[in-house]
Amino acid sequence: MSTRTLEILFGSFFKILIPGLIYTMPLTLVSFTLGLIIAIFVAIIRVSKVKVLDKICWFYVWVFRGTPLLVQLFVIFYGLPNIGIMLDALPSAVIAFSLNIGAYASETIRGSILAVPKAQKEACSACGLTYAQQMIHVVLPQALKISIPALFNSFISLVKDTSLASNITVVEMFMATQRIVAVTFEPLLLYLEVGFIYLMFCTILTYVQRYVENKLSVSDSGLAGGAA
């Protein structure tokens, strides 16, 4: 490996990593949090079978699961100005990612809600709890616990999907890499380098996922042991 190659790799590493810490990870965290909130509301509406709202939520999920994320980004950032809605690049990315995650995660949470034993819901009704109280205190905590592995996978996928925000001028890691490539003319090295940084982020999150899952397993084992 030549001296120039090493200089490019070491010189560009922090120029790529810093946008990752400033834009990529905050964009992921904010979008996922908002998407999760949307997903919970959509999932509750869909299992409650309120006819009109259920149809609206079904349509939302159908559209956002059935169209590419890149198209959604372009519609929000480049398309909405045609009807007078002007949004900066970063808010556009947050809206697109949040709505996309909300659609996918709502199906995960809906399935987890349906997986909660019906007997528990009947017991809640027998105790006089309202539907909202059942959801908040009994059903949702269990459903979210069941959903954690799938939701973590969605979160890790979102870290990589944020690279699409470079297409609407958000200066995250991939956009920063493209700018360096334009100056150095070393696409192979630099794209491998940004890929490695994405891999580092996702590997750390995978260990966090395992830690959380292990903690929940221990918690479940403790409760089972106490009940025995």
Protein backbone atom coordinates (compact mmCIF):
# COMPACT_ATOMS: atom_id res chain seq x y z
CA MET A 1 0.00 0.00 0.00
CA SER A 2 1.51 3.32 -1.10
CA THR A 3 2.16 6.30 1.14
CA ARG A 4 -0.47 8.33 -0.74
CA THR A 5 -3.07 5.62 -0.16
CA LEU A 6 -2.35 5.57 3.58
CA GLU A 7 -2.51 9.35 3.74
CA ILE A 8 -5.90 9.35 2.01
CA LEU A 9 -7.29 6.63 4.29
CA PHE A 10 -6.09 8.17 7.55
CA GLY A 11 -6.83 11.72 6.41
CA SER A 12 -10.40 10.88 5.41
CA PHE A 13 -11.33 8.62 8.33
CA PHE A 14 -12.42 11.36 10.74
CA LYS A 15 -13.82 13.48 7.91
CA ILE A 16 -16.25 10.58 7.32
CA LEU A 17 -16.72 9.51 10.94
CA ILE A 18 -17.61 12.99 12.28
CA PRO A 19 -20.61 13.46 9.91
CA GLY A 20 -21.63 9.98 11.01
CA LEU A 21 -21.68 11.10 14.62
CA ILE A 22 -23.20 14.51 13.90
CA TYR A 23 -25.78 13.55 11.25
CA THR A 24 -26.10 9.80 10.62
CA MET A 25 -26.66 8.61 14.20
CA PRO A 26 -28.87 11.55 15.33
CA LEU A 27 -30.90 11.20 12.11
CA THR A 28 -31.32 7.49 12.84
CA LEU A 29 -32.28 8.01 16.50
CA VAL A 30 -34.78 10.82 15.85
CA SER A 31 -36.38 9.08 12.86
CA PHE A 32 -36.65 5.74 14.65
CA THR A 33 -38.16 7.32 17.78
CA LEU A 34 -40.79 9.20 15.77
CA GLY A 35 -41.40 6.12 13.63
CA LEU A 36 -41.91 3.98 16.72
CA ILE A 37 -44.49 6.43 18.09
CA ILE A 38 -46.33 6.34 14.75
CA ALA A 39 -46.10 2.54 14.70
CA ILE A 40 -47.63 2.15 18.17
CA PHE A 41 -50.61 4.36 17.31
CA VAL A 42 -51.15 2.65 13.94
CA ALA A 43 -50.89 -0.83 15.48
CA ILE A 44 -53.40 0.02 18.23
CA ILE A 45 -55.85 1.45 15.70
CA ARG A 46 -55.53 -1.60 13.46
CA VAL A 47 -56.13 -4.15 16.25
CA SER A 48 -59.01 -2.09 17.66
CA LYS A 49 -60.74 -2.37 14.25
CA VAL A 50 -62.24 1.13 14.19
CA LYS A 51 -63.48 0.85 10.60
CA VAL A 52 -62.60 4.24 9.04
CA LEU A 53 -59.33 4.71 10.95
CA ASP A 54 -58.33 1.10 10.24
CA LYS A 55 -58.76 1.71 6.50
CA ILE A 56 -56.67 4.90 6.66
CA CYS A 57 -53.89 3.12 8.57
CA TRP A 58 -54.01 0.15 6.21
CA PHE A 59 -53.62 2.52 3.24
CA TYR A 60 -50.67 4.27 4.91
CA VAL A 61 -48.90 0.97 5.62
CA TRP A 62 -49.68 -0.32 2.12
CA VAL A 63 -48.18 2.75 0.45
CA PHE A 64 -45.02 3.06 2.55
CA ARG A 65 -44.23 -0.66 2.53
CA GLY A 66 -44.94 -0.92 -1.18
CA THR A 67 -42.82 1.96 -2.49
CA PRO A 68 -39.02 2.45 -2.36
CA LEU A 69 -37.64 4.61 0.44
CA LEU A 70 -35.66 6.61 -2.12
CA VAL A 71 -38.88 7.48 -3.97
CA GLN A 72 -40.45 8.60 -0.68
CA LEU A 73 -37.46 10.87 0.00
CA PHE A 74 -37.71 12.41 -3.48
CA VAL A 75 -41.47 12.96 -3.24
CA ILE A 76 -41.12 14.78 0.09
CA PHE A 77 -38.03 16.86 -0.76
CA TYR A 78 -38.39 17.48 -4.49
CA GLY A 79 -42.11 16.87 -5.04
CA LEU A 80 -43.88 18.72 -2.23
CA PRO A 81 -42.50 22.15 -3.29
CA ASN A 82 -44.73 21.82 -6.39
CA ILE A 83 -47.77 22.15 -4.11
CA GLY A 84 -46.22 24.91 -2.01
CA ILE A 85 -44.73 22.80 0.80
CA MET A 86 -41.05 23.71 1.15
CA LEU A 87 -38.91 21.61 3.49
CA ASP A 88 -35.17 21.62 4.13
CA ALA A 89 -33.22 18.44 3.43
CA LEU A 90 -32.81 17.26 7.02
CA PRO A 91 -36.51 17.61 8.04
CA SER A 92 -37.46 15.91 4.75
CA ALA A 93 -35.19 12.99 5.58
CA VAL A 94 -36.59 12.73 9.13
CA ILE A 95 -40.19 12.73 7.83
CA ALA A 96 -39.48 10.11 5.15
CA PHE A 97 -37.53 7.79 7.44
CA SER A 98 -40.05 8.15 10.28
CA LEU A 99 -43.04 7.37 8.07
CA ASN A 100 -41.21 4.44 6.49
CA ILE A 101 -40.17 2.95 9.84
CA GLY A 102 -43.64 3.61 11.23
CA ALA A 103 -45.23 1.52 8.48
CA TYR A 104 -42.91 -1.46 8.93
CA ALA A 105 -42.75 -1.33 12.73
CA SER A 106 -46.53 -1.03 13.02
CA GLU A 107 -46.90 -4.50 11.50
CA THR A 108 -44.30 -5.87 13.92
CA ILE A 109 -46.07 -4.34 16.91
CA ARG A 110 -49.51 -5.33 15.64
CA GLY A 111 -48.37 -8.95 15.40
CA SER A 112 -46.91 -8.74 18.91
CA ILE A 113 -50.15 -7.31 20.32
CA LEU A 114 -52.08 -10.17 18.76
CA ALA A 115 -49.54 -12.59 20.30
CA VAL A 116 -50.47 -11.49 23.85
CA PRO A 117 -52.74 -14.24 25.24
CA LYS A 118 -56.42 -13.44 24.90
CA ALA A 119 -57.01 -14.69 28.45
CA GLN A 120 -55.02 -11.73 29.81
CA LYS A 121 -57.26 -9.27 27.97
CA GLU A 122 -60.34 -11.06 29.26
CA ALA A 123 -58.93 -10.92 32.80
CA CYS A 124 -58.35 -7.17 32.41
CA SER A 125 -61.96 -6.71 31.28
CA ALA A 126 -63.16 -8.75 34.25
CA CYS A 127 -61.18 -6.42 36.55
CA GLY A 128 -62.96 -3.41 35.08
CA LEU A 129 -60.06 -1.96 33.09
CA THR A 130 -60.97 0.12 30.06
CA TYR A 131 -59.56 -0.72 26.62
CA ALA A 132 -57.02 2.11 26.94
CA GLN A 133 -55.92 0.92 30.40
CA GLN A 134 -55.54 -2.64 29.11
CA MET A 135 -53.33 -1.44 26.28
CA ILE A 136 -51.17 0.91 28.36
CA HIS A 137 -50.67 -1.26 31.45
CA VAL A 138 -50.87 -4.85 30.20
CA VAL A 139 -50.83 -5.42 26.45
CA LEU A 140 -48.34 -2.85 25.08
CA PRO A 141 -45.53 -3.57 27.60
CA GLN A 142 -45.65 -7.24 26.64
CA ALA A 143 -46.03 -6.53 22.92
CA LEU A 144 -43.03 -4.18 22.88
CA LYS A 145 -40.96 -6.76 24.72
CA ILE A 146 -41.86 -9.38 22.12
CA SER A 147 -41.08 -6.88 19.35
CA ILE A 148 -37.59 -5.92 20.54
CA PRO A 149 -35.53 -8.25 18.28
CA ALA A 150 -37.45 -7.20 15.14
CA LEU A 151 -37.42 -3.51 16.11
CA PHE A 152 -33.66 -3.61 16.74
CA ASN A 153 -33.20 -5.12 13.28
CA SER A 154 -35.22 -2.25 11.82
CA PHE A 155 -33.08 0.24 13.75
CA ILE A 156 -29.84 -1.29 12.45
CA SER A 157 -31.24 -1.28 8.90
CA LEU A 158 -32.14 2.38 9.29
CA VAL A 159 -28.52 3.24 10.13
CA LYS A 160 -27.58 1.97 6.65
CA ASP A 161 -30.66 3.45 4.96
CA THR A 162 -29.68 6.95 6.09
CA SER A 163 -27.05 6.85 3.33
CA LEU A 164 -29.97 7.50 0.95
CA ALA A 165 -30.31 10.97 2.49
CA SER A 166 -27.21 11.97 0.50
CA ASN A 167 -29.50 11.99 -2.55
CA ILE A 168 -31.37 14.98 -1.11
CA THR A 169 -28.16 16.80 -0.05
CA VAL A 170 -28.02 15.78 3.64
CA VAL A 171 -24.29 15.81 4.50
CA GLU A 172 -24.18 12.48 6.33
CA MET A 173 -21.37 9.92 6.04
CA PHE A 174 -22.00 8.85 2.48
CA MET A 175 -22.28 12.40 1.15
CA ALA A 176 -19.05 13.30 3.00
CA THR A 177 -17.36 10.31 1.34
CA GLN A 178 -18.61 11.32 -2.11
CA ARG A 179 -17.12 14.79 -1.64
CA ILE A 180 -13.74 13.33 -0.68
CA VAL A 181 -13.87 10.95 -3.66
CA ALA A 182 -14.47 13.92 -5.97
CA VAL A 183 -11.17 15.45 -4.78
CA THR A 184 -8.96 12.36 -4.36
CA PHE A 185 -10.29 10.18 -7.23
CA GLU A 186 -10.01 7.09 -5.00
CA PRO A 187 -13.56 5.64 -5.04
CA LEU A 188 -12.65 2.04 -4.19
CA LEU A 189 -10.64 2.85 -1.08
CA LEU A 190 -13.02 5.49 0.25
CA TYR A 191 -16.23 3.54 -0.37
CA LEU A 192 -14.64 0.55 1.36
CA GLU A 193 -13.70 2.86 4.23
CA VAL A 194 -17.22 4.27 4.65
CA GLY A 195 -18.57 0.73 4.42
CA PHE A 196 -16.24 -0.25 7.25
CA ILE A 197 -17.49 2.66 9.39
CA TYR A 198 -21.11 1.64 8.77
CA LEU A 199 -20.09 -1.89 9.73
CA MET A 200 -18.58 -0.61 12.99
CA PHE A 201 -21.77 1.25 13.89
CA CYS A 202 -23.96 -1.76 13.10
CA THR A 203 -21.68 -4.16 14.97
CA ILE A 204 -21.84 -2.01 18.12
CA LEU A 205 -25.64 -1.89 17.84
CA THR A 206 -25.76 -5.67 17.37
CA TYR A 207 -23.90 -6.11 20.67
CA VAL A 208 -26.33 -3.66 22.31
CA GLN A 209 -29.20 -5.74 20.93
CA ARG A 210 -27.74 -8.94 22.37
CA TYR A 211 -27.19 -7.26 25.73
CA VAL A 212 -30.80 -6.04 25.88
CA GLU A 213 -32.16 -9.43 24.81
CA ASN A 214 -30.03 -11.20 27.43
CA LYS A 215 -31.25 -8.82 30.11
CA LEU A 216 -34.84 -9.47 29.13
CA SER A 217 -34.21 -13.24 29.13
CA VAL A 218 -32.76 -13.04 32.64
CA SER A 219 -35.73 -10.93 33.73
CA ASP A 220 -38.17 -13.47 32.30
CA SER A 221 -36.29 -16.32 33.96
CA GLY A 222 -36.41 -14.52 37.29
CA LEU A 223 -40.14 -13.96 37.02
CA ALA A 224 -40.70 -17.59 36.04
CA GLY A 225 -38.59 -18.75 38.98
CA GLY A 226 -40.49 -16.46 41.37
CA ALA A 227 -43.80 -17.74 40.09
CA ALA A 228 -42.66 -21.34 40.56
